[in-house]
Amino acid sequence: MSDDQLEPEPEEEHQEPEVSPESYSIEELVEQLRIVRVRYNLVDTSAYVRYLPRFNAQPEDLTVHVDPFAEHHEGAEVTGEFRIPELVSELINAYIRIHLFSSREQRNYFVAGFDDALTQLNFVGGGFGFDRLWITVGTTNVGVPVCIYLGQRTAVNRQPTVSLIDHRFNSRGDLVYRAVGGYEDHVGEEYFESS
């Protein structure tokens, strides 16, 4: 991802929130944070779905590695908005990891490093299924910068999961919350203490 792709996103040009990202507890974020499901319609009438912190009909970058010829879209529509525990019930054979950051600069640094690592992996002959992992970035409804990873596989005991990774106080990130899907509306939730 080039530096010019990490310029401010259109949805982040609003006024800065009065509450700092560091002031939210994990319990407050689980309750208040919303993730939007967006359907991007392609020219051939197919579509792909992404999970975003806010709706953006024309994002500059939908994933870390994107082919602008293969993923050009004609239109977009919101198809759902979810709290974190609700989101896990939407997934089948997939997982989502939401990385929380204290600033956009911290988030952009993290995403750029991830992109460089995957590029290096390809360079040395390794393989990575870019068609099985999508990454979106933005600022949430509560003003917390995030990076959202959507992966196409189940993560825990063949069940979908949604995890929160908190980078606000530890740059390496701490797993602080996980919701695991279950039968029908059942959701198992776990909170983890930051070390």
Protein backbone atom coordinates (compact mmCIF):
# COMPACT_ATOMS: atom_id res chain seq x y z
CA MET A 1 0.00 0.00 0.00
CA SER A 2 1.59 3.26 -1.01
CA ASP A 3 1.73 6.27 1.31
CA ASP A 4 -0.75 8.19 -0.84
CA GLN A 5 -3.36 5.49 -0.18
CA LEU A 6 -3.15 6.24 3.54
CA GLU A 7 -4.35 9.81 3.17
CA PRO A 8 -7.42 10.80 5.22
CA GLU A 9 -10.49 8.85 4.21
CA PRO A 10 -13.51 10.92 3.15
CA GLU A 11 -15.59 9.69 6.07
CA GLU A 12 -12.94 10.91 8.51
CA GLU A 13 -13.15 14.55 7.48
CA HIS A 14 -15.87 15.13 10.08
CA GLN A 15 -15.12 16.91 13.33
CA GLU A 16 -12.99 15.02 15.79
CA PRO A 17 -15.05 13.29 18.49
CA GLU A 18 -15.09 14.91 21.93
CA VAL A 19 -14.16 11.61 23.57
CA SER A 20 -10.66 10.26 23.10
CA PRO A 21 -10.32 6.66 21.80
CA GLU A 22 -8.34 5.72 24.93
CA SER A 23 -11.22 6.67 27.26
CA TYR A 24 -13.52 3.81 26.19
CA SER A 25 -13.55 0.58 28.16
CA ILE A 26 -13.77 -2.65 26.20
CA GLU A 27 -17.28 -3.22 27.56
CA GLU A 28 -18.35 0.20 26.25
CA LEU A 29 -16.84 -0.50 22.83
CA VAL A 30 -18.54 -3.90 22.60
CA GLU A 31 -21.87 -2.23 23.39
CA GLN A 32 -21.55 0.97 21.32
CA LEU A 33 -19.31 0.22 18.34
CA ARG A 34 -21.12 -0.52 15.07
CA ILE A 35 -19.82 -2.32 11.97
CA VAL A 36 -21.54 -1.81 8.60
CA ARG A 37 -21.97 -4.57 6.00
CA VAL A 38 -21.73 -3.16 2.46
CA ARG A 39 -22.49 -4.88 -0.84
CA TYR A 40 -20.33 -3.62 -3.73
CA ASN A 41 -21.94 -4.41 -7.09
CA LEU A 42 -19.64 -5.36 -9.96
CA VAL A 43 -20.12 -4.81 -13.68
CA ASP A 44 -20.98 -8.46 -14.40
CA THR A 45 -23.89 -8.38 -11.87
CA SER A 46 -21.87 -10.23 -9.25
CA ALA A 47 -20.98 -8.51 -5.98
CA TYR A 48 -18.71 -8.74 -3.01
CA VAL A 49 -19.34 -7.88 0.62
CA ARG A 50 -17.07 -5.97 2.97
CA TYR A 51 -17.41 -5.04 6.63
CA LEU A 52 -16.58 -1.39 7.27
CA PRO A 53 -16.50 0.99 10.22
CA ARG A 54 -18.61 3.46 8.21
CA PHE A 55 -20.32 3.35 4.84
CA ASN A 56 -18.26 4.70 1.95
CA ALA A 57 -19.67 4.20 -1.54
CA GLN A 58 -16.34 4.94 -3.24
CA PRO A 59 -13.49 3.80 -0.99
CA GLU A 60 -10.00 4.34 -2.36
CA ASP A 61 -8.78 1.05 -0.98
CA LEU A 62 -11.00 -1.90 -0.03
CA THR A 63 -8.19 -4.26 0.82
CA VAL A 64 -4.44 -4.19 1.35
CA HIS A 65 -3.82 -5.96 -1.96
CA VAL A 66 -6.37 -4.91 -4.53
CA ASP A 67 -6.50 -5.32 -8.29
CA PRO A 68 -8.31 -2.19 -9.55
CA PHE A 69 -9.23 -3.98 -12.79
CA ALA A 70 -10.68 -7.03 -11.07
CA GLU A 71 -12.45 -5.25 -8.22
CA HIS A 72 -13.89 -2.16 -9.88
CA HIS A 73 -17.43 -1.69 -8.62
CA GLU A 74 -20.41 0.13 -10.12
CA GLY A 75 -22.37 0.87 -6.97
CA ALA A 76 -22.68 0.12 -3.29
CA GLU A 77 -25.41 -0.31 -0.69
CA VAL A 78 -25.56 -0.87 3.04
CA THR A 79 -27.06 -4.28 3.79
CA GLY A 80 -26.72 -4.29 7.58
CA GLU A 81 -25.33 -2.60 10.68
CA PHE A 82 -24.26 -4.62 13.71
CA ARG A 83 -23.03 -4.46 17.27
CA ILE A 84 -20.06 -6.79 17.89
CA PRO A 85 -22.09 -9.66 19.47
CA GLU A 86 -24.63 -9.42 16.63
CA LEU A 87 -21.95 -9.50 13.96
CA VAL A 88 -20.79 -13.02 14.78
CA SER A 89 -24.28 -14.36 14.01
CA GLU A 90 -23.95 -13.00 10.45
CA LEU A 91 -20.86 -15.05 9.66
CA ILE A 92 -20.63 -18.54 8.21
CA ASN A 93 -17.22 -20.15 7.74
CA ALA A 94 -15.53 -16.81 8.42
CA TYR A 95 -13.93 -14.74 11.15
CA ILE A 96 -13.46 -11.03 11.80
CA ARG A 97 -10.68 -9.40 13.79
CA ILE A 98 -11.19 -5.74 14.65
CA HIS A 99 -7.98 -3.94 15.61
CA LEU A 100 -8.52 -0.83 17.77
CA PHE A 101 -6.06 2.09 17.70
CA SER A 102 -5.59 5.33 19.61
CA SER A 103 -4.94 7.38 16.46
CA ARG A 104 -5.17 7.16 12.67
CA GLU A 105 -1.38 7.48 12.46
CA GLN A 106 -0.92 4.41 14.68
CA ARG A 107 -3.43 2.47 12.58
CA ASN A 108 -1.85 3.49 9.26
CA TYR A 109 1.60 2.47 10.51
CA PHE A 110 0.23 -0.96 11.49
CA VAL A 111 -1.52 -1.52 8.14
CA ALA A 112 1.53 -0.39 6.13
CA GLY A 113 3.75 -2.82 8.06
CA PHE A 114 1.33 -5.68 7.43
CA ASP A 115 1.27 -4.88 3.72
CA ASP A 116 5.08 -4.84 3.55
CA ALA A 117 5.29 -8.20 5.35
CA LEU A 118 2.89 -9.86 2.87
CA THR A 119 4.81 -8.38 -0.06
CA GLN A 120 8.05 -9.78 1.37
CA LEU A 121 6.40 -13.20 1.84
CA ASN A 122 5.55 -13.31 -1.86
CA PHE A 123 9.04 -12.11 -2.79
CA VAL A 124 10.77 -14.99 -0.98
CA GLY A 125 8.53 -17.58 -2.61
CA GLY A 126 5.89 -17.94 0.07
CA GLY A 127 2.22 -17.94 -0.69
CA PHE A 128 -0.70 -16.10 0.80
CA GLY A 129 -4.35 -16.46 -0.21
CA PHE A 130 -5.25 -12.84 -0.86
CA ASP A 131 -8.66 -14.00 -2.05
CA ARG A 132 -9.32 -15.37 1.45
CA LEU A 133 -8.55 -12.27 3.54
CA TRP A 134 -9.82 -8.71 3.16
CA ILE A 135 -8.75 -5.70 5.18
CA THR A 136 -10.64 -2.43 5.52
CA VAL A 137 -9.73 0.67 7.52
CA GLY A 138 -11.61 3.67 8.85
CA THR A 139 -12.97 5.38 11.94
CA THR A 140 -15.97 3.94 13.76
CA ASN A 141 -19.20 5.60 14.87
CA VAL A 142 -17.62 6.24 18.31
CA GLY A 143 -14.47 7.85 16.86
CA VAL A 144 -12.05 4.94 17.32
CA PRO A 145 -9.74 4.21 14.34
CA VAL A 146 -9.90 0.55 13.35
CA CYS A 147 -8.59 -2.01 10.91
CA ILE A 148 -11.02 -4.85 10.12
CA TYR A 149 -9.81 -8.24 8.90
CA LEU A 150 -12.36 -10.56 7.30
CA GLY A 151 -11.07 -14.08 6.75
CA GLN A 152 -12.76 -16.96 4.96
CA ARG A 153 -12.43 -19.78 7.45
CA THR A 154 -13.81 -20.62 10.86
CA ALA A 155 -11.58 -19.72 13.76
CA VAL A 156 -12.69 -21.60 16.90
CA ASN A 157 -14.14 -25.15 16.93
CA ARG A 158 -15.53 -24.70 13.40
CA GLN A 159 -17.53 -21.68 14.56
CA PRO A 160 -17.33 -18.07 13.30
CA THR A 161 -15.70 -15.56 15.62
CA VAL A 162 -15.38 -11.81 16.06
CA SER A 163 -12.35 -10.66 18.06
CA LEU A 164 -11.21 -7.26 19.30
CA ILE A 165 -7.47 -6.61 19.37
CA ASP A 166 -6.60 -3.48 21.38
CA HIS A 167 -3.51 -1.54 20.23
CA ARG A 168 -4.38 1.65 22.13
CA PHE A 169 -2.04 0.98 25.07
CA ASN A 170 0.21 -1.76 23.70
CA SER A 171 1.41 -1.32 20.11
CA ARG A 172 1.69 -5.11 19.66
CA GLY A 173 -2.00 -5.47 20.50
CA ASP A 174 -3.87 -7.45 23.16
CA LEU A 175 -6.76 -9.82 22.54
CA VAL A 176 -9.42 -8.25 24.78
CA TYR A 177 -12.71 -9.71 23.56
CA ARG A 178 -14.02 -12.57 21.47
CA ALA A 179 -17.54 -13.59 20.45
CA VAL A 180 -17.98 -17.14 19.19
CA GLY A 181 -21.02 -18.15 17.16
CA GLY A 182 -23.21 -21.01 18.23
CA TYR A 183 -26.51 -22.67 17.50
CA GLU A 184 -29.14 -20.20 16.18
CA ASP A 185 -28.90 -16.98 18.23
CA HIS A 186 -26.47 -18.31 20.83
CA VAL A 187 -23.27 -16.27 21.14
CA GLY A 188 -20.48 -17.14 23.52
CA GLU A 189 -18.60 -14.05 24.72
CA GLU A 190 -15.22 -13.86 26.42
CA TYR A 191 -13.39 -10.86 27.86
CA PHE A 192 -9.63 -11.12 28.31
CA GLU A 193 -7.51 -9.12 30.71
CA SER A 194 -4.84 -6.95 29.08
CA SER A 195 -1.36 -7.83 30.29
